[in-house]
Amino acid sequence: MAVSHASLERGNPNTRGVAQLPFARTAPSAPTPVPYDIPAETPEPTIKKKRKRADARQLEALNRMYARTAFPSTEERLQLAKDLDMSARSVQIWLAHTFIYATCFDF
């Protein structure tokens, strides 16, 4: 006589399928506390710098670079940023925004 899978689970409702399964869950254990040290002095919060717009000299150089190529190499961006006293990231963002503006609005 064949015994179906469903009839095995109906035997005892409290142990239904727990003991037979190789991937049965165990009771959750309490998390172990993580030791940490609270610093004696909390440093002053850093003040975020205000955003600066590019001045006329910087815009002229950025536009010259963009007219030459919309995708300058990393070295070219770094050199331009150094010459203009800007961060390389701000040069990259300016070029990306100008590219998007030009493609969306046929600038």
PDB file of N, CA and C in Angstrom:
ATOM      1  N   MET A   1       0.846  -1.170   0.000  1.00  0.00           N
ATOM      2  CA  MET A   1       0.000   0.000   0.000  1.00  0.00           C
ATOM      3  C   MET A   1       0.893   1.235   0.000  1.00  0.00           C
ATOM      4  N   ALA A   2       0.637   2.154  -0.934  1.00  0.00           N
ATOM      5  CA  ALA A   2       1.453   3.356  -1.064  1.00  0.00           C
ATOM      6  C   ALA A   2       0.943   4.421  -0.108  1.00  0.00           C
ATOM      7  N   VAL A   3       1.859   5.091   0.527  1.00  0.00           N
ATOM      8  CA  VAL A   3       1.520   6.159   1.459  1.00  0.00           C
ATOM      9  C   VAL A   3       1.818   7.483   0.765  1.00  0.00           C
ATOM     10  N   SER A   4       0.855   8.349   0.756  1.00  0.00           N
ATOM     11  CA  SER A   4       1.058   9.640   0.081  1.00  0.00           C
ATOM     12  C   SER A   4       1.772  10.616   1.004  1.00  0.00           C
ATOM     13  N   HIS A   5       2.353  11.619   0.389  1.00  0.00           N
ATOM     14  CA  HIS A   5       3.077  12.645   1.123  1.00  0.00           C
ATOM     15  C   HIS A   5       2.131  13.417   2.040  1.00  0.00           C
ATOM     16  N   ALA A   6       0.929  13.671   1.578  1.00  0.00           N
ATOM     17  CA  ALA A   6      -0.049  14.428   2.356  1.00  0.00           C
ATOM     18  C   ALA A   6      -0.452  13.675   3.619  1.00  0.00           C
ATOM     19  N   SER A   7      -0.513  12.343   3.544  1.00  0.00           N
ATOM     20  CA  SER A   7      -0.935  11.591   4.718  1.00  0.00           C
ATOM     21  C   SER A   7       0.148  11.593   5.790  1.00  0.00           C
ATOM     22  N   LEU A   8       1.423  11.732   5.407  1.00  0.00           N
ATOM     23  CA  LEU A   8       2.497  11.802   6.398  1.00  0.00           C
ATOM     24  C   LEU A   8       2.439  13.104   7.173  1.00  0.00           C
ATOM     25  N   GLU A   9       2.071  14.196   6.516  1.00  0.00           N
ATOM     26  CA  GLU A   9       2.033  15.486   7.185  1.00  0.00           C
ATOM     27  C   GLU A   9       0.839  15.622   8.116  1.00  0.00           C
ATOM     28  N   ARG A  10      -0.183  14.834   7.920  1.00  0.00           N
ATOM     29  CA  ARG A  10      -1.373  14.947   8.758  1.00  0.00           C
ATOM     30  C   ARG A  10      -1.219  14.233  10.097  1.00  0.00           C
ATOM     31  N   GLY A  11      -0.158  13.489  10.308  1.00  0.00           N
ATOM     32  CA  GLY A  11      -0.012  12.703  11.525  1.00  0.00           C
ATOM     33  C   GLY A  11      -0.075  13.532  12.787  1.00  0.00           C
ATOM     34  N   ASN A  12       0.864  14.383  13.013  1.00  0.00           N
ATOM     35  CA  ASN A  12       0.912  15.201  14.207  1.00  0.00           C
ATOM     36  C   ASN A  12       1.036  16.658  13.758  1.00  0.00           C
ATOM     37  N   PRO A  13       0.060  17.498  14.030  1.00  0.00           N
ATOM     38  CA  PRO A  13       0.093  18.874  13.526  1.00  0.00           C
ATOM     39  C   PRO A  13       1.230  19.703  14.124  1.00  0.00           C
ATOM     40  N   ASN A  14       1.747  19.333  15.287  1.00  0.00           N
ATOM     41  CA  ASN A  14       2.816  20.106  15.919  1.00  0.00           C
ATOM     42  C   ASN A  14       4.175  19.865  15.268  1.00  0.00           C
ATOM     43  N   THR A  15       4.389  18.712  14.687  1.00  0.00           N
ATOM     44  CA  THR A  15       5.689  18.390  14.091  1.00  0.00           C
ATOM     45  C   THR A  15       5.577  18.223  12.586  1.00  0.00           C
ATOM     46  N   ARG A  16       4.619  18.865  11.998  1.00  0.00           N
ATOM     47  CA  ARG A  16       4.345  18.675  10.579  1.00  0.00           C
ATOM     48  C   ARG A  16       5.542  19.061   9.714  1.00  0.00           C
ATOM     49  N   GLY A  17       6.170  18.080   9.140  1.00  0.00           N
ATOM     50  CA  GLY A  17       7.218  18.284   8.168  1.00  0.00           C
ATOM     51  C   GLY A  17       8.527  18.806   8.711  1.00  0.00           C
ATOM     52  N   VAL A  18       8.644  19.051   9.993  1.00  0.00           N
ATOM     53  CA  VAL A  18       9.860  19.653  10.530  1.00  0.00           C
ATOM     54  C   VAL A  18      10.983  18.634  10.606  1.00  0.00           C
ATOM     55  N   ALA A  19      10.708  17.479  11.142  1.00  0.00           N
ATOM     56  CA  ALA A  19      11.763  16.496  11.350  1.00  0.00           C
ATOM     57  C   ALA A  19      12.185  15.819  10.045  1.00  0.00           C
ATOM     58  N   GLN A  20      11.291  15.734   9.057  1.00  0.00           N
ATOM     59  CA  GLN A  20      11.606  15.013   7.840  1.00  0.00           C
ATOM     60  C   GLN A  20      12.450  15.836   6.862  1.00  0.00           C
ATOM     61  N   LEU A  21      12.429  17.138   6.945  1.00  0.00           N
ATOM     62  CA  LEU A  21      13.092  17.969   5.958  1.00  0.00           C
ATOM     63  C   LEU A  21      14.545  18.233   6.339  1.00  0.00           C
ATOM     64  N   PRO A  22      15.477  18.059   5.401  1.00  0.00           N
ATOM     65  CA  PRO A  22      16.880  18.318   5.719  1.00  0.00           C
ATOM     66  C   PRO A  22      17.176  19.804   5.872  1.00  0.00           C
ATOM     67  N   PHE A  23      16.299  20.656   5.369  1.00  0.00           N
ATOM     68  CA  PHE A  23      16.547  22.095   5.443  1.00  0.00           C
ATOM     69  C   PHE A  23      15.643  22.766   6.476  1.00  0.00           C
ATOM     70  N   ALA A  24      15.241  22.007   7.476  1.00  0.00           N
ATOM     71  CA  ALA A  24      14.350  22.546   8.494  1.00  0.00           C
ATOM     72  C   ALA A  24      15.046  23.656   9.262  1.00  0.00           C
ATOM     73  N   ARG A  25      14.264  24.657   9.622  1.00  0.00           N
ATOM     74  CA  ARG A  25      14.807  25.793  10.356  1.00  0.00           C
ATOM     75  C   ARG A  25      14.981  25.443  11.823  1.00  0.00           C
ATOM     76  N   THR A  26      15.950  26.058  12.405  1.00  0.00           N
ATOM     77  CA  THR A  26      16.144  25.919  13.843  1.00  0.00           C
ATOM     78  C   THR A  26      15.589  27.158  14.516  1.00  0.00           C
ATOM     79  N   ALA A  27      15.468  27.110  15.799  1.00  0.00           N
ATOM     80  CA  ALA A  27      14.957  28.255  16.533  1.00  0.00           C
ATOM     81  C   ALA A  27      15.941  29.416  16.383  1.00  0.00           C
ATOM     82  N   PRO A  28      15.439  30.624  16.186  1.00  0.00           N
ATOM     83  CA  PRO A  28      16.337  31.760  16.020  1.00  0.00           C
ATOM     84  C   PRO A  28      17.106  32.027  17.301  1.00  0.00           C
ATOM     85  N   SER A  29      18.371  32.328  17.134  1.00  0.00           N
ATOM     86  CA  SER A  29      19.186  32.645  18.306  1.00  0.00           C
ATOM     87  C   SER A  29      19.203  34.149  18.500  1.00  0.00           C
ATOM     88  N   ALA A  30      19.484  34.553  19.701  1.00  0.00           N
ATOM     89  CA  ALA A  30      19.539  35.976  20.018  1.00  0.00           C
ATOM     90  C   ALA A  30      20.776  36.575  19.361  1.00  0.00           C
ATOM     91  N   PRO A  31      20.671  37.783  18.811  1.00  0.00           N
ATOM     92  CA  PRO A  31      21.840  38.393  18.188  1.00  0.00           C
ATOM     93  C   PRO A  31      22.902  38.701  19.231  1.00  0.00           C
ATOM     94  N   THR A  32      24.135  38.525  18.827  1.00  0.00           N
ATOM     95  CA  THR A  32      25.224  38.811  19.755  1.00  0.00           C
ATOM     96  C   THR A  32      25.462  40.311  19.760  1.00  0.00           C
ATOM     97  N   PRO A  33      25.644  40.898  20.923  1.00  0.00           N
ATOM     98  CA  PRO A  33      25.869  42.341  20.992  1.00  0.00           C
ATOM     99  C   PRO A  33      27.234  42.696  20.382  1.00  0.00           C
ATOM    100  N   VAL A  34      27.258  43.808  19.686  1.00  0.00           N
ATOM    101  CA  VAL A  34      28.494  44.276  19.074  1.00  0.00           C
ATOM    102  C   VAL A  34      29.110  45.307  20.009  1.00  0.00           C
ATOM    103  N   PRO A  35      30.303  45.037  20.489  1.00  0.00           N
ATOM    104  CA  PRO A  35      30.924  46.021  21.379  1.00  0.00           C
ATOM    105  C   PRO A  35      31.405  47.229  20.571  1.00  0.00           C
ATOM    106  N   TYR A  36      31.171  48.407  21.065  1.00  0.00           N
ATOM    107  CA  TYR A  36      31.666  49.607  20.411  1.00  0.00           C
ATOM    108  C   TYR A  36      31.994  50.638  21.474  1.00  0.00           C
ATOM    109  N   ASP A  37      32.894  51.511  21.108  1.00  0.00           N
ATOM    110  CA  ASP A  37      33.302  52.571  22.021  1.00  0.00           C
ATOM    111  C   ASP A  37      32.618  53.864  21.614  1.00  0.00           C
ATOM    112  N   ILE A  38      32.097  54.569  22.582  1.00  0.00           N
ATOM    113  CA  ILE A  38      31.496  55.866  22.315  1.00  0.00           C
ATOM    114  C   ILE A  38      32.615  56.896  22.463  1.00  0.00           C
ATOM    115  N   PRO A  39      32.845  57.690  21.430  1.00  0.00           N
ATOM    116  CA  PRO A  39      33.922  58.676  21.532  1.00  0.00           C
ATOM    117  C   PRO A  39      33.642  59.675  22.642  1.00  0.00           C
ATOM    118  N   ALA A  40      34.705  60.075  23.325  1.00  0.00           N
ATOM    119  CA  ALA A  40      34.574  61.000  24.445  1.00  0.00           C
ATOM    120  C   ALA A  40      34.077  62.360  23.946  1.00  0.00           C
ATOM    121  N   GLU A  41      34.657  62.834  22.834  1.00  0.00           N
ATOM    122  CA  GLU A  41      34.256  64.121  22.284  1.00  0.00           C
ATOM    123  C   GLU A  41      33.679  63.911  20.896  1.00  0.00           C
ATOM    124  N   THR A  42      32.533  64.459  20.668  1.00  0.00           N
ATOM    125  CA  THR A  42      31.940  64.384  19.344  1.00  0.00           C
ATOM    126  C   THR A  42      32.446  65.581  18.545  1.00  0.00           C
ATOM    127  N   PRO A  43      33.040  65.338  17.364  1.00  0.00           N
ATOM    128  CA  PRO A  43      33.572  66.467  16.607  1.00  0.00           C
ATOM    129  C   PRO A  43      32.442  67.370  16.104  1.00  0.00           C
ATOM    130  N   GLU A  44      32.786  68.614  15.829  1.00  0.00           N
ATOM    131  CA  GLU A  44      31.812  69.562  15.314  1.00  0.00           C
ATOM    132  C   GLU A  44      31.306  69.084  13.962  1.00  0.00           C
ATOM    133  N   PRO A  45      30.048  69.285  13.674  1.00  0.00           N
ATOM    134  CA  PRO A  45      29.530  68.868  12.362  1.00  0.00           C
ATOM    135  C   PRO A  45      30.189  69.686  11.253  1.00  0.00           C
ATOM    136  N   THR A  46      30.458  69.030  10.137  1.00  0.00           N
ATOM    137  CA  THR A  46      31.077  69.729   9.021  1.00  0.00           C
ATOM    138  C   THR A  46      30.023  70.544   8.299  1.00  0.00           C
ATOM    139  N   ILE A  47      30.413  71.701   7.851  1.00  0.00           N
ATOM    140  CA  ILE A  47      29.501  72.582   7.142  1.00  0.00           C
ATOM    141  C   ILE A  47      29.704  72.366   5.656  1.00  0.00           C
ATOM    142  N   LYS A  48      28.621  72.095   4.962  1.00  0.00           N
ATOM    143  CA  LYS A  48      28.673  71.837   3.535  1.00  0.00           C
ATOM    144  C   LYS A  48      28.923  73.146   2.793  1.00  0.00           C
ATOM    145  N   LYS A  49      29.846  73.107   1.837  1.00  0.00           N
ATOM    146  CA  LYS A  49      30.146  74.296   1.055  1.00  0.00           C
ATOM    147  C   LYS A  49      28.976  74.606   0.128  1.00  0.00           C
ATOM    148  N   LYS A  50      28.773  75.892  -0.113  1.00  0.00           N
ATOM    149  CA  LYS A  50      27.728  76.296  -1.038  1.00  0.00           C
ATOM    150  C   LYS A  50      28.190  76.017  -2.460  1.00  0.00           C
ATOM    151  N   ARG A  51      27.233  75.769  -3.323  1.00  0.00           N
ATOM    152  CA  ARG A  51      27.556  75.534  -4.725  1.00  0.00           C
ATOM    153  C   ARG A  51      28.003  76.836  -5.368  1.00  0.00           C
ATOM    154  N   LYS A  52      28.997  76.715  -6.260  1.00  0.00           N
ATOM    155  CA  LYS A  52      29.489  77.890  -6.964  1.00  0.00           C
ATOM    156  C   LYS A  52      29.223  77.722  -8.451  1.00  0.00           C
ATOM    157  N   ARG A  53      28.812  78.790  -9.084  1.00  0.00           N
ATOM    158  CA  ARG A  53      28.643  78.781 -10.530  1.00  0.00           C
ATOM    159  C   ARG A  53      29.983  79.138 -11.154  1.00  0.00           C
ATOM    160  N   ALA A  54      30.197  78.628 -12.341  1.00  0.00           N
ATOM    161  CA  ALA A  54      31.433  78.933 -13.049  1.00  0.00           C
ATOM    162  C   ALA A  54      31.429  80.405 -13.451  1.00  0.00           C
ATOM    163  N   ASP A  55      32.578  81.066 -13.276  1.00  0.00           N
ATOM    164  CA  ASP A  55      32.665  82.472 -13.675  1.00  0.00           C
ATOM    165  C   ASP A  55      32.924  82.563 -15.182  1.00  0.00           C
ATOM    166  N   ALA A  56      33.036  83.770 -15.690  1.00  0.00           N
ATOM    167  CA  ALA A  56      33.155  83.993 -17.134  1.00  0.00           C
ATOM    168  C   ALA A  56      34.407  83.335 -17.708  1.00  0.00           C
ATOM    169  N   ARG A  57      35.532  83.442 -17.008  1.00  0.00           N
ATOM    170  CA  ARG A  57      36.785  82.837 -17.484  1.00  0.00           C
ATOM    171  C   ARG A  57      36.659  81.320 -17.555  1.00  0.00           C
ATOM    172  N   GLN A  58      36.058  80.716 -16.534  1.00  0.00           N
ATOM    173  CA  GLN A  58      35.882  79.269 -16.509  1.00  0.00           C
ATOM    174  C   GLN A  58      34.908  78.818 -17.601  1.00  0.00           C
ATOM    175  N   LEU A  59      33.827  79.571 -17.791  1.00  0.00           N
ATOM    176  CA  LEU A  59      32.848  79.216 -18.821  1.00  0.00           C
ATOM    177  C   LEU A  59      33.470  79.276 -20.215  1.00  0.00           C
ATOM    178  N   GLU A  60      34.316  80.269 -20.441  1.00  0.00           N
ATOM    179  CA  GLU A  60      34.968  80.381 -21.745  1.00  0.00           C
ATOM    180  C   GLU A  60      35.841  79.157 -22.020  1.00  0.00           C
ATOM    181  N   ALA A  61      36.629  78.742 -21.027  1.00  0.00           N
ATOM    182  CA  ALA A  61      37.503  77.579 -21.197  1.00  0.00           C
ATOM    183  C   ALA A  61      36.684  76.290 -21.323  1.00  0.00           C
ATOM    184  N   LEU A  62      35.634  76.165 -20.541  1.00  0.00           N
ATOM    185  CA  LEU A  62      34.783  74.972 -20.617  1.00  0.00           C
ATOM    186  C   LEU A  62      34.090  74.882 -21.974  1.00  0.00           C
ATOM    187  N   ASN A  63      33.599  76.002 -22.470  1.00  0.00           N
ATOM    188  CA  ASN A  63      32.952  76.005 -23.778  1.00  0.00           C
ATOM    189  C   ASN A  63      33.940  75.696 -24.896  1.00  0.00           C
ATOM    190  N   ARG A  64      35.190  76.193 -24.777  1.00  0.00           N
ATOM    191  CA  ARG A  64      36.213  75.854 -25.763  1.00  0.00           C
ATOM    192  C   ARG A  64      36.473  74.357 -25.768  1.00  0.00           C
ATOM    193  N   MET A  65      36.569  73.765 -24.584  1.00  0.00           N
ATOM    194  CA  MET A  65      36.807  72.322 -24.471  1.00  0.00           C
ATOM    195  C   MET A  65      35.624  71.560 -25.071  1.00  0.00           C
ATOM    196  N   TYR A  66      34.402  72.004 -24.764  1.00  0.00           N
ATOM    197  CA  TYR A  66      33.218  71.315 -25.270  1.00  0.00           C
ATOM    198  C   TYR A  66      33.117  71.430 -26.791  1.00  0.00           C
ATOM    199  N   ALA A  67      33.515  72.586 -27.343  1.00  0.00           N
ATOM    200  CA  ALA A  67      33.465  72.768 -28.795  1.00  0.00           C
ATOM    201  C   ALA A  67      34.454  71.831 -29.488  1.00  0.00           C
ATOM    202  N   ARG A  68      35.577  71.564 -28.805  1.00  0.00           N
ATOM    203  CA  ARG A  68      36.574  70.664 -29.370  1.00  0.00           C
ATOM    204  C   ARG A  68      36.117  69.222 -29.257  1.00  0.00           C
ATOM    205  N   THR A  69      35.663  68.831 -28.076  1.00  0.00           N
ATOM    206  CA  THR A  69      35.157  67.470 -27.863  1.00  0.00           C
ATOM    207  C   THR A  69      34.221  67.465 -26.662  1.00  0.00           C
ATOM    208  N   ALA A  70      33.117  66.751 -26.804  1.00  0.00           N
ATOM    209  CA  ALA A  70      32.169  66.640 -25.692  1.00  0.00           C
ATOM    210  C   ALA A  70      32.621  65.612 -24.664  1.00  0.00           C
ATOM    211  N   PHE A  71      33.568  64.762 -25.059  1.00  0.00           N
ATOM    212  CA  PHE A  71      34.042  63.692 -24.171  1.00  0.00           C
ATOM    213  C   PHE A  71      35.554  63.725 -24.058  1.00  0.00           C
ATOM    214  N   PRO A  72      36.121  64.682 -23.305  1.00  0.00           N
ATOM    215  CA  PRO A  72      37.576  64.728 -23.162  1.00  0.00           C
ATOM    216  C   PRO A  72      38.070  63.570 -22.303  1.00  0.00           C
ATOM    217  N   SER A  73      39.337  63.263 -22.468  1.00  0.00           N
ATOM    218  CA  SER A  73      39.932  62.178 -21.681  1.00  0.00           C
ATOM    219  C   SER A  73      40.050  62.606 -20.223  1.00  0.00           C
ATOM    220  N   THR A  74      40.339  61.657 -19.385  1.00  0.00           N
ATOM    221  CA  THR A  74      40.497  61.939 -17.957  1.00  0.00           C
ATOM    222  C   THR A  74      41.635  62.921 -17.732  1.00  0.00           C
ATOM    223  N   GLU A  75      42.727  62.752 -18.454  1.00  0.00           N
ATOM    224  CA  GLU A  75      43.881  63.643 -18.305  1.00  0.00           C
ATOM    225  C   GLU A  75      43.521  65.065 -18.711  1.00  0.00           C
ATOM    226  N   GLU A  76      42.760  65.199 -19.800  1.00  0.00           N
ATOM    227  CA  GLU A  76      42.343  66.535 -20.238  1.00  0.00           C
ATOM    228  C   GLU A  76      41.424  67.189 -19.215  1.00  0.00           C
ATOM    229  N   ARG A  77      40.510  66.423 -18.650  1.00  0.00           N
ATOM    230  CA  ARG A  77      39.618  66.971 -17.621  1.00  0.00           C
ATOM    231  C   ARG A  77      40.395  67.383 -16.379  1.00  0.00           C
ATOM    232  N   LEU A  78      41.355  66.560 -15.978  1.00  0.00           N
ATOM    233  CA  LEU A  78      42.159  66.891 -14.805  1.00  0.00           C
ATOM    234  C   LEU A  78      42.969  68.163 -15.037  1.00  0.00           C
ATOM    235  N   GLN A  79      43.561  68.293 -16.231  1.00  0.00           N
ATOM    236  CA  GLN A  79      44.358  69.476 -16.538  1.00  0.00           C
ATOM    237  C   GLN A  79      43.482  70.723 -16.592  1.00  0.00           C
ATOM    238  N   LEU A  80      42.314  70.611 -17.207  1.00  0.00           N
ATOM    239  CA  LEU A  80      41.399  71.742 -17.279  1.00  0.00           C
ATOM    240  C   LEU A  80      40.937  72.154 -15.887  1.00  0.00           C
ATOM    241  N   ALA A  81      40.630  71.173 -15.057  1.00  0.00           N
ATOM    242  CA  ALA A  81      40.200  71.472 -13.688  1.00  0.00           C
ATOM    243  C   ALA A  81      41.308  72.177 -12.921  1.00  0.00           C
ATOM    244  N   LYS A  82      42.524  71.732 -13.110  1.00  0.00           N
ATOM    245  CA  LYS A  82      43.661  72.360 -12.424  1.00  0.00           C
ATOM    246  C   LYS A  82      43.850  73.796 -12.912  1.00  0.00           C
ATOM    247  N   ASP A  83      43.743  73.998 -14.229  1.00  0.00           N
ATOM    248  CA  ASP A  83      43.916  75.339 -14.796  1.00  0.00           C
ATOM    249  C   ASP A  83      42.814  76.305 -14.345  1.00  0.00           C
ATOM    250  N   LEU A  84      41.611  75.785 -14.180  1.00  0.00           N
ATOM    251  CA  LEU A  84      40.467  76.628 -13.834  1.00  0.00           C
ATOM    252  C   LEU A  84      40.201  76.716 -12.338  1.00  0.00           C
ATOM    253  N   ASP A  85      41.002  76.018 -11.544  1.00  0.00           N
ATOM    254  CA  ASP A  85      40.811  75.974 -10.090  1.00  0.00           C
ATOM    255  C   ASP A  85      39.420  75.434  -9.753  1.00  0.00           C
ATOM    256  N   MET A  86      39.069  74.325 -10.425  1.00  0.00           N
ATOM    257  CA  MET A  86      37.819  73.616 -10.171  1.00  0.00           C
ATOM    258  C   MET A  86      38.164  72.164  -9.866  1.00  0.00           C
ATOM    259  N   SER A  87      37.194  71.419  -9.358  1.00  0.00           N
ATOM    260  CA  SER A  87      37.422  69.996  -9.166  1.00  0.00           C
ATOM    261  C   SER A  87      37.197  69.277 -10.490  1.00  0.00           C
ATOM    262  N   ALA A  88      37.859  68.159 -10.666  1.00  0.00           N
ATOM    263  CA  ALA A  88      37.679  67.375 -11.879  1.00  0.00           C
ATOM    264  C   ALA A  88      36.239  66.889 -11.995  1.00  0.00           C
ATOM    265  N   ARG A  89      35.627  66.610 -10.874  1.00  0.00           N
ATOM    266  CA  ARG A  89      34.237  66.163 -10.862  1.00  0.00           C
ATOM    267  C   ARG A  89      33.304  67.266 -11.362  1.00  0.00           C
ATOM    268  N   SER A  90      33.548  68.510 -10.952  1.00  0.00           N
ATOM    269  CA  SER A  90      32.675  69.604 -11.395  1.00  0.00           C
ATOM    270  C   SER A  90      32.845  69.863 -12.889  1.00  0.00           C
ATOM    271  N   VAL A  91      34.052  69.674 -13.425  1.00  0.00           N
ATOM    272  CA  VAL A  91      34.261  69.790 -14.871  1.00  0.00           C
ATOM    273  C   VAL A  91      33.492  68.691 -15.587  1.00  0.00           C
ATOM    274  N   GLN A  92      33.580  67.477 -15.073  1.00  0.00           N
ATOM    275  CA  GLN A  92      32.878  66.349 -15.678  1.00  0.00           C
ATOM    276  C   GLN A  92      31.369  66.576 -15.659  1.00  0.00           C
ATOM    277  N   ILE A  93      30.852  67.055 -14.559  1.00  0.00           N
ATOM    278  CA  ILE A  93      29.414  67.296 -14.438  1.00  0.00           C
ATOM    279  C   ILE A  93      28.984  68.417 -15.383  1.00  0.00           C
ATOM    280  N   TRP A  94      29.783  69.493 -15.469  1.00  0.00           N
ATOM    281  CA  TRP A  94      29.457  70.585 -16.378  1.00  0.00           C
ATOM    282  C   TRP A  94      29.382  70.078 -17.812  1.00  0.00           C
ATOM    283  N   LEU A  95      30.349  69.279 -18.229  1.00  0.00           N
ATOM    284  CA  LEU A  95      30.357  68.743 -19.588  1.00  0.00           C
ATOM    285  C   LEU A  95      29.154  67.824 -19.830  1.00  0.00           C
ATOM    286  N   ALA A  96      28.825  67.004 -18.862  1.00  0.00           N
ATOM    287  CA  ALA A  96      27.688  66.092 -19.005  1.00  0.00           C
ATOM    288  C   ALA A  96      26.377  66.863 -19.126  1.00  0.00           C
ATOM    289  N   HIS A  97      26.199  67.885 -18.290  1.00  0.00           N
ATOM    290  CA  HIS A  97      24.981  68.682 -18.342  1.00  0.00           C
ATOM    291  C   HIS A  97      24.883  69.444 -19.659  1.00  0.00           C
ATOM    292  N   THR A  98      26.004  69.958 -20.130  1.00  0.00           N
ATOM    293  CA  THR A  98      26.009  70.678 -21.400  1.00  0.00           C
ATOM    294  C   THR A  98      25.676  69.740 -22.548  1.00  0.00           C
ATOM    295  N   PHE A  99      26.199  68.526 -22.503  1.00  0.00           N
ATOM    296  CA  PHE A  99      25.904  67.539 -23.537  1.00  0.00           C
ATOM    297  C   PHE A  99      24.426  67.193 -23.555  1.00  0.00           C
ATOM    298  N   ILE A 100      23.846  66.964 -22.394  1.00  0.00           N
ATOM    299  CA  ILE A 100      22.430  66.632 -22.302  1.00  0.00           C
ATOM    300  C   ILE A 100      21.581  67.802 -22.787  1.00  0.00           C
ATOM    301  N   TYR A 101      21.942  69.001 -22.369  1.00  0.00           N
ATOM    302  CA  TYR A 101      21.193  70.179 -22.804  1.00  0.00           C
ATOM    303  C   TYR A 101      21.259  70.321 -24.326  1.00  0.00           C
ATOM    304  N   ALA A 102      22.436  70.122 -24.883  1.00  0.00           N
ATOM    305  CA  ALA A 102      22.612  70.264 -26.331  1.00  0.00           C
ATOM    306  C   ALA A 102      21.836  69.195 -27.102  1.00  0.00           C
ATOM    307  N   THR A 103      21.794  67.980 -26.604  1.00  0.00           N
ATOM    308  CA  THR A 103      21.080  66.921 -27.321  1.00  0.00           C
ATOM    309  C   THR A 103      19.575  67.025 -27.158  1.00  0.00           C
ATOM    310  N   CYS A 104      19.115  67.491 -26.011  1.00  0.00           N
ATOM    311  CA  CYS A 104      17.677  67.587 -25.790  1.00  0.00           C
ATOM    312  C   CYS A 104      17.063  68.803 -26.470  1.00  0.00           C
ATOM    313  N   PHE A 105      17.805  69.912 -26.489  1.00  0.00           N
ATOM    314  CA  PHE A 105      17.251  71.164 -26.996  1.00  0.00           C
ATOM    315  C   PHE A 105      17.892  71.601 -28.301  1.00  0.00           C
ATOM    316  N   ASP A 106      18.667  70.729 -28.951  1.00  0.00           N
ATOM    317  CA  ASP A 106      19.350  71.043 -30.210  1.00  0.00           C
ATOM    318  C   ASP A 106      20.098  72.357 -30.131  1.00  0.00           C
ATOM    319  N   PHE A 107      20.921  72.463 -29.143  1.00  0.00           N
ATOM    320  CA  PHE A 107      21.704  73.657 -28.839  1.00  0.00           C
ATOM    321  C   PHE A 107      22.794  73.852 -29.855  1.00  0.00           C
TER     322      PHE A 107
END
